[in-house]
C-alpha atoms as a PDB file:
ATOM      1  CA  MET A   1     -11.992   9.372  25.289  1.00  0.00           C
ATOM      2  CA  ALA A   2     -15.258   8.245  23.710  1.00  0.00           C
ATOM      3  CA  ASP A   3     -15.068   5.967  20.680  1.00  0.00           C
ATOM      4  CA  PHE A   4     -15.919   7.102  17.153  1.00  0.00           C
ATOM      5  CA  ASN A   5     -19.402   5.540  17.007  1.00  0.00           C
ATOM      6  CA  SER A   6     -20.452   7.070  20.340  1.00  0.00           C
ATOM      7  CA  LEU A   7     -19.271  10.514  19.257  1.00  0.00           C
ATOM      8  CA  LEU A   8     -20.963  10.118  15.857  1.00  0.00           C
ATOM      9  CA  GLU A   9     -24.239   9.168  17.535  1.00  0.00           C
ATOM     10  CA  ILE A  10     -24.140  12.300  19.698  1.00  0.00           C
ATOM     11  CA  ASN A  11     -22.994  14.583  16.867  1.00  0.00           C
ATOM     12  CA  ALA A  12     -25.651  13.368  14.441  1.00  0.00           C
ATOM     13  CA  PHE A  13     -28.636  12.602  16.637  1.00  0.00           C
ATOM     14  CA  SER A  14     -28.478  14.311  20.037  1.00  0.00           C
ATOM     15  CA  SER A  15     -31.167  16.882  20.790  1.00  0.00           C
ATOM     16  CA  ASP A  16     -28.684  18.761  23.025  1.00  0.00           C
ATOM     17  CA  PRO A  17     -26.872  21.400  20.906  1.00  0.00           C
ATOM     18  CA  GLU A  18     -23.972  21.651  23.363  1.00  0.00           C
ATOM     19  CA  ALA A  19     -23.449  17.881  23.381  1.00  0.00           C
ATOM     20  CA  ARG A  20     -23.505  17.929  19.582  1.00  0.00           C
ATOM     21  CA  ARG A  21     -20.922  20.713  19.482  1.00  0.00           C
ATOM     22  CA  LEU A  22     -18.620  18.919  21.918  1.00  0.00           C
ATOM     23  CA  ALA A  23     -18.952  15.633  20.014  1.00  0.00           C
ATOM     24  CA  ALA A  24     -18.196  17.425  16.731  1.00  0.00           C
ATOM     25  CA  GLU A  25     -15.061  18.960  18.272  1.00  0.00           C
ATOM     26  CA  ALA A  26     -13.915  15.556  19.573  1.00  0.00           C
ATOM     27  CA  LEU A  27     -14.534  13.923  16.178  1.00  0.00           C
ATOM     28  CA  GLN A  28     -12.461  16.637  14.493  1.00  0.00           C
ATOM     29  CA  ARG A  29      -9.658  16.461  17.048  1.00  0.00           C
ATOM     30  CA  ASN A  30      -9.454  12.671  17.385  1.00  0.00           C
ATOM     31  CA  PHE A  31     -10.412  11.437  13.911  1.00  0.00           C
ATOM     32  CA  ASN A  32     -10.064  14.472  11.593  1.00  0.00           C
ATOM     33  CA  PHE A  33     -13.759  13.883  10.831  1.00  0.00           C
ATOM     34  CA  GLU A  34     -16.449  16.487  10.141  1.00  0.00           C
ATOM     35  CA  LEU A  35     -20.121  15.813   9.569  1.00  0.00           C
ATOM     36  CA  THR A  36     -22.955  18.138   8.658  1.00  0.00           C
ATOM     37  CA  CYS A  37     -25.944  16.299   7.253  1.00  0.00           C
ATOM     38  CA  LEU A  38     -29.589  17.326   7.200  1.00  0.00           C
ATOM     39  CA  HIS A  39     -30.831  13.715   7.003  1.00  0.00           C
ATOM     40  CA  LEU A  40     -28.495  10.922   8.137  1.00  0.00           C
ATOM     41  CA  ASP A  41     -29.823   7.401   8.420  1.00  0.00           C
ATOM     42  CA  PRO A  42     -28.595   5.699  11.615  1.00  0.00           C
ATOM     43  CA  SER A  43     -27.438   2.660   9.602  1.00  0.00           C
ATOM     44  CA  VAL A  44     -24.761   4.628   7.706  1.00  0.00           C
ATOM     45  CA  GLN A  45     -21.288   3.198   8.354  1.00  0.00           C
ATOM     46  CA  PHE A  46     -17.956   5.022   8.305  1.00  0.00           C
ATOM     47  CA  ALA A  47     -15.067   2.615   7.730  1.00  0.00           C
ATOM     48  CA  HIS A  48     -11.797   3.291   9.545  1.00  0.00           C
ATOM     49  CA  ASN A  49     -13.581   5.639  11.968  1.00  0.00           C
ATOM     50  CA  GLY A  50     -14.232   8.115   9.179  1.00  0.00           C
ATOM     51  CA  LYS A  51     -10.614   9.288   9.284  1.00  0.00           C
ATOM     52  CA  GLY A  52     -10.046  12.329   7.132  1.00  0.00           C
ATOM     53  CA  CYS A  53     -13.673  12.680   6.025  1.00  0.00           C
ATOM     54  CA  THR A  54     -15.342  16.033   5.492  1.00  0.00           C
ATOM     55  CA  ILE A  55     -19.042  15.450   4.965  1.00  0.00           C
ATOM     56  CA  ALA A  56     -21.630  18.154   4.228  1.00  0.00           C
ATOM     57  CA  ALA A  57     -24.577  16.319   2.686  1.00  0.00           C
ATOM     58  CA  SER A  58     -28.264  16.949   2.204  1.00  0.00           C
ATOM     59  CA  LYS A  59     -29.007  13.280   2.890  1.00  0.00           C
ATOM     60  CA  ILE A  60     -27.134  10.030   3.376  1.00  0.00           C
ATOM     61  CA  SER A  61     -29.545   7.127   3.048  1.00  0.00           C
ATOM     62  CA  ALA A  62     -29.813   3.718   4.704  1.00  0.00           C
ATOM     63  CA  GLY A  63     -27.048   1.213   4.179  1.00  0.00           C
ATOM     64  CA  ALA A  64     -24.443   3.665   2.851  1.00  0.00           C
ATOM     65  CA  VAL A  65     -20.796   2.886   3.617  1.00  0.00           C
ATOM     66  CA  ILE A  66     -18.203   5.662   3.486  1.00  0.00           C
ATOM     67  CA  PHE A  67     -14.477   4.948   3.599  1.00  0.00           C
ATOM     68  CA  GLN A  68     -11.624   7.206   4.754  1.00  0.00           C
ATOM     69  CA  ASN A  69     -10.600  10.575   3.272  1.00  0.00           C
ATOM     70  CA  VAL A  70     -13.932  11.129   1.515  1.00  0.00           C
ATOM     71  CA  THR A  71     -15.225  14.626   0.812  1.00  0.00           C
ATOM     72  CA  ILE A  72     -18.919  15.265   0.275  1.00  0.00           C
ATOM     73  CA  GLY A  73     -19.989  18.880  -0.032  1.00  0.00           C
ATOM     74  CA  ALA A  74     -21.076  21.933  -1.962  1.00  0.00           C
ATOM     75  CA  ASN A  75     -19.542  23.673  -4.950  1.00  0.00           C
ATOM     76  CA  GLN A  76     -21.664  26.797  -5.132  1.00  0.00           C
ATOM     77  CA  THR A  77     -20.413  29.881  -6.936  1.00  0.00           C
ATOM     78  CA  TYR A  78     -21.283  33.520  -6.666  1.00  0.00           C
ATOM     79  CA  ASN A  79     -22.263  35.185  -9.958  1.00  0.00           C
ATOM     80  CA  HIS A  80     -21.141  38.822  -9.752  1.00  0.00           C
ATOM     81  CA  ALA A  81     -23.134  39.775 -12.869  1.00  0.00           C
ATOM     82  CA  THR A  82     -26.434  38.688 -11.321  1.00  0.00           C
ATOM     83  CA  ALA A  83     -25.428  39.140  -7.672  1.00  0.00           C
ATOM     84  CA  GLN A  84     -26.771  35.626  -7.014  1.00  0.00           C
ATOM     85  CA  TRP A  85     -25.433  32.369  -5.638  1.00  0.00           C
ATOM     86  CA  GLU A  86     -25.646  29.501  -8.121  1.00  0.00           C
ATOM     87  CA  ASN A  87     -25.336  25.735  -7.836  1.00  0.00           C
ATOM     88  CA  LEU A  88     -26.552  25.751  -4.216  1.00  0.00           C
ATOM     89  CA  GLY A  89     -27.116  22.517  -2.358  1.00  0.00           C
ATOM     90  CA  ASN A  90     -25.236  19.466  -1.164  1.00  0.00           C
ATOM     91  CA  PRO A  91     -25.315  15.879  -2.442  1.00  0.00           C
ATOM     92  CA  VAL A  92     -27.895  13.229  -1.672  1.00  0.00           C
ATOM     93  CA  ILE A  93     -26.384   9.779  -1.235  1.00  0.00           C
ATOM     94  CA  GLY A  94     -28.871   7.026  -2.072  1.00  0.00           C
ATOM     95  CA  LYS A  95     -29.524   3.728  -0.327  1.00  0.00           C
ATOM     96  CA  ASN A  96     -26.727   1.139  -0.117  1.00  0.00           C
ATOM     97  CA  VAL A  97     -24.176   3.409  -1.795  1.00  0.00           C
ATOM     98  CA  ILE A  98     -20.519   2.583  -1.190  1.00  0.00           C
ATOM     99  CA  ILE A  99     -18.056   5.474  -1.350  1.00  0.00           C
ATOM    100  CA  ALA A 100     -14.438   4.299  -1.554  1.00  0.00           C
ATOM    101  CA  ASP A 101     -11.291   5.960  -0.203  1.00  0.00           C
ATOM    102  CA  GLY A 102     -10.522   9.496  -1.282  1.00  0.00           C
ATOM    103  CA  ALA A 103     -13.641  10.037  -3.393  1.00  0.00           C
ATOM    104  CA  LYS A 104     -14.941  13.591  -3.823  1.00  0.00           C
ATOM    105  CA  ILE A 105     -18.666  14.167  -4.367  1.00  0.00           C
ATOM    106  CA  VAL A 106     -19.661  17.803  -4.676  1.00  0.00           C
ATOM    107  CA  GLY A 107     -22.646  19.880  -5.697  1.00  0.00           C
ATOM    108  CA  PRO A 108     -26.421  19.555  -5.628  1.00  0.00           C
ATOM    109  CA  ILE A 109     -26.282  16.066  -7.124  1.00  0.00           C
ATOM    110  CA  ILE A 110     -27.834  12.659  -6.492  1.00  0.00           C
ATOM    111  CA  ILE A 111     -25.881   9.432  -6.175  1.00  0.00           C
ATOM    112  CA  GLY A 112     -28.406   6.737  -7.089  1.00  0.00           C
ATOM    113  CA  ASP A 113     -29.219   3.731  -4.926  1.00  0.00           C
ATOM    114  CA  ASN A 114     -26.860   0.722  -4.948  1.00  0.00           C
ATOM    115  CA  SER A 115     -24.048   2.614  -6.658  1.00  0.00           C
ATOM    116  CA  VAL A 116     -20.335   2.423  -5.927  1.00  0.00           C
ATOM    117  CA  ILE A 117     -18.147   5.513  -6.062  1.00  0.00           C
ATOM    118  CA  GLY A 118     -14.620   4.310  -6.807  1.00  0.00           C
ATOM    119  CA  THR A 119     -11.382   5.196  -5.060  1.00  0.00           C
ATOM    120  CA  GLY A 120     -10.313   8.752  -5.860  1.00  0.00           C
ATOM    121  CA  ALA A 121     -13.338   9.490  -8.050  1.00  0.00           C
ATOM    122  CA  ILE A 122     -14.375  13.109  -8.519  1.00  0.00           C
ATOM    123  CA  ILE A 123     -18.128  13.326  -9.036  1.00  0.00           C
ATOM    124  CA  THR A 124     -19.966  16.586  -9.759  1.00  0.00           C
ATOM    125  CA  LYS A 125     -22.903  15.174 -11.749  1.00  0.00           C
ATOM    126  CA  ASP A 126     -25.781  12.839 -10.920  1.00  0.00           C
ATOM    127  CA  VAL A 127     -24.938   9.131 -10.940  1.00  0.00           C
ATOM    128  CA  PRO A 128     -27.772   6.762 -11.893  1.00  0.00           C
ATOM    129  CA  ALA A 129     -28.793   3.963  -9.542  1.00  0.00           C
ATOM    130  CA  ASN A 130     -26.862   0.689  -9.846  1.00  0.00           C
ATOM    131  CA  SER A 131     -23.732   2.309 -11.283  1.00  0.00           C
ATOM    132  CA  ILE A 132     -20.017   2.295 -10.639  1.00  0.00           C
ATOM    133  CA  ALA A 133     -18.566   5.806 -10.781  1.00  0.00           C
ATOM    134  CA  TYR A 134     -14.857   6.342 -11.360  1.00  0.00           C
ATOM    135  CA  GLY A 135     -12.397   8.948 -12.580  1.00  0.00           C
ATOM    136  CA  VAL A 136     -13.917  12.349 -13.189  1.00  0.00           C
ATOM    137  CA  ASN A 137     -17.679  12.080 -13.747  1.00  0.00           C
ATOM    138  CA  ARG A 138     -17.450   8.679 -15.418  1.00  0.00           C
ATOM    139  CA  PHE A 139     -19.787   5.833 -14.633  1.00  0.00           C
ATOM    140  CA  LYS A 140     -20.923   2.503 -15.987  1.00  0.00           C
ATOM    141  CA  PRO A 141     -23.646   0.032 -15.008  1.00  0.00           C
ATOM    142  CA  ARG A 142     -22.796  -2.001 -11.943  1.00  0.00           C
ATOM    143  CA  ASP A 143     -22.573  -5.756 -12.487  1.00  0.00           C
ATOM    144  CA  PRO A 144     -25.197  -7.138 -10.071  1.00  0.00           C
ATOM    145  CA  ASN A 145     -23.092 -10.283  -9.551  1.00  0.00           C
ATOM    146  CA  TYR A 146     -20.320  -8.350  -7.765  1.00  0.00           C
ATOM    147  CA  SER A 147     -19.947  -6.199  -4.682  1.00  0.00           C
ATOM    148  CA  PRO A 148     -16.556  -4.678  -5.466  1.00  0.00           C
ATOM    149  CA  VAL A 149     -15.718  -2.790  -2.273  1.00  0.00           C
ATOM    150  CA  PHE A 150     -17.837  -3.789   0.694  1.00  0.00           C
ATOM    151  CA  TYR A 151     -20.245  -6.575   1.453  1.00  0.00           C
ATOM    152  CA  LYS A 152     -21.854  -7.886   4.613  1.00  0.00           C
ATOM    153  CA  ASP A 153     -19.823 -11.135   4.476  1.00  0.00           C
ATOM    154  CA  MET A 154     -16.314  -9.662   4.368  1.00  0.00           C
ATOM    155  CA  PRO A 155     -13.279 -12.016   4.144  1.00  0.00           C
ATOM    156  CA  HIS A 156     -11.662 -13.102   7.395  1.00  0.00           C
ATOM    157  CA  ALA A 157      -8.080 -12.231   8.396  1.00  0.00           C
ATOM    158  CA  PRO A 158      -6.507 -15.581   7.333  1.00  0.00           C
ATOM    159  CA  GLU A 159      -7.926 -15.182   3.808  1.00  0.00           C
ATOM    160  CA  ILE A 160      -6.588 -11.632   3.561  1.00  0.00           C
ATOM    161  CA  VAL A 161      -3.160 -12.628   4.918  1.00  0.00           C
ATOM    162  CA  ALA A 162      -2.930 -15.517   2.417  1.00  0.00           C
ATOM    163  CA  ALA A 163      -3.873 -13.197  -0.464  1.00  0.00           C
ATOM    164  CA  CYS A 164      -1.243 -10.662   0.659  1.00  0.00           C
ATOM    165  CA  GLU A 165       1.388 -13.415   0.864  1.00  0.00           C
ATOM    166  CA  ASP A 166       0.515 -14.417  -2.721  1.00  0.00           C
ATOM    167  CA  VAL A 167       1.147 -10.834  -3.878  1.00  0.00           C
ATOM    168  CA  VAL A 168       4.486 -10.793  -1.987  1.00  0.00           C
ATOM    169  CA  SER A 169       5.424 -14.083  -3.698  1.00  0.00           C
ATOM    170  CA  ARG A 170       4.578 -12.661  -7.124  1.00  0.00           C
ATOM    171  CA  TYR A 171       6.743  -9.642  -6.356  1.00  0.00           C
ATOM    172  CA  ALA A 172       9.624 -11.868  -5.228  1.00  0.00           C
ATOM    173  CA  LYS A 173       9.435 -13.848  -8.477  1.00  0.00           C
ATOM    174  CA  LEU A 174       9.505 -10.621 -10.500  1.00  0.00           C
ATOM    175  CA  THR A 175      12.485  -9.191  -8.673  1.00  0.00           C
ATOM    176  CA  ASP A 176      14.389 -12.505  -8.646  1.00  0.00           C
ATOM    177  CA  SER A 177      14.045 -12.817 -12.421  1.00  0.00           C
ATOM    178  CA  THR A 178      15.168  -9.240 -13.103  1.00  0.00           C
ATOM    179  CA  HIS A 179      18.352  -9.302 -10.988  1.00  0.00           C
END
């Protein structure tokens, strides 16, 4: 079985339609991952092998990082009175955008450069550059001193284990004092 990145490369960039189809099927079968994107920058990263992601985007720009269980897609509606489709188009994800676990980004919207879409956020409206989006269509300016989800110099395993042990210790103190 080919690894996620090899399959993604074929699915997104191969000039052979049959190879693309086979890679797309393998991504769906092995990683529950779907990707349809008119313009995908090769530097885009999918954390956790893109598990559970359904992506239908107009563009995903350089440096974007997308975590697991993210949905990016359309939310068009058919207007029976006018016999027309409305709200056509898929999102554009700007440069260096981080999209955290379980976020939903739908509609013909733009997520501005250097923004962070928080865990579980539901976004159906444009998000300005340098923002943190959270909840349902809420956003605030991003503090330039922090990279809250992903950064090139991620902590190493011993640091993460120590931090987890601290949380376990806090829990133990709470449960010891209540029983």
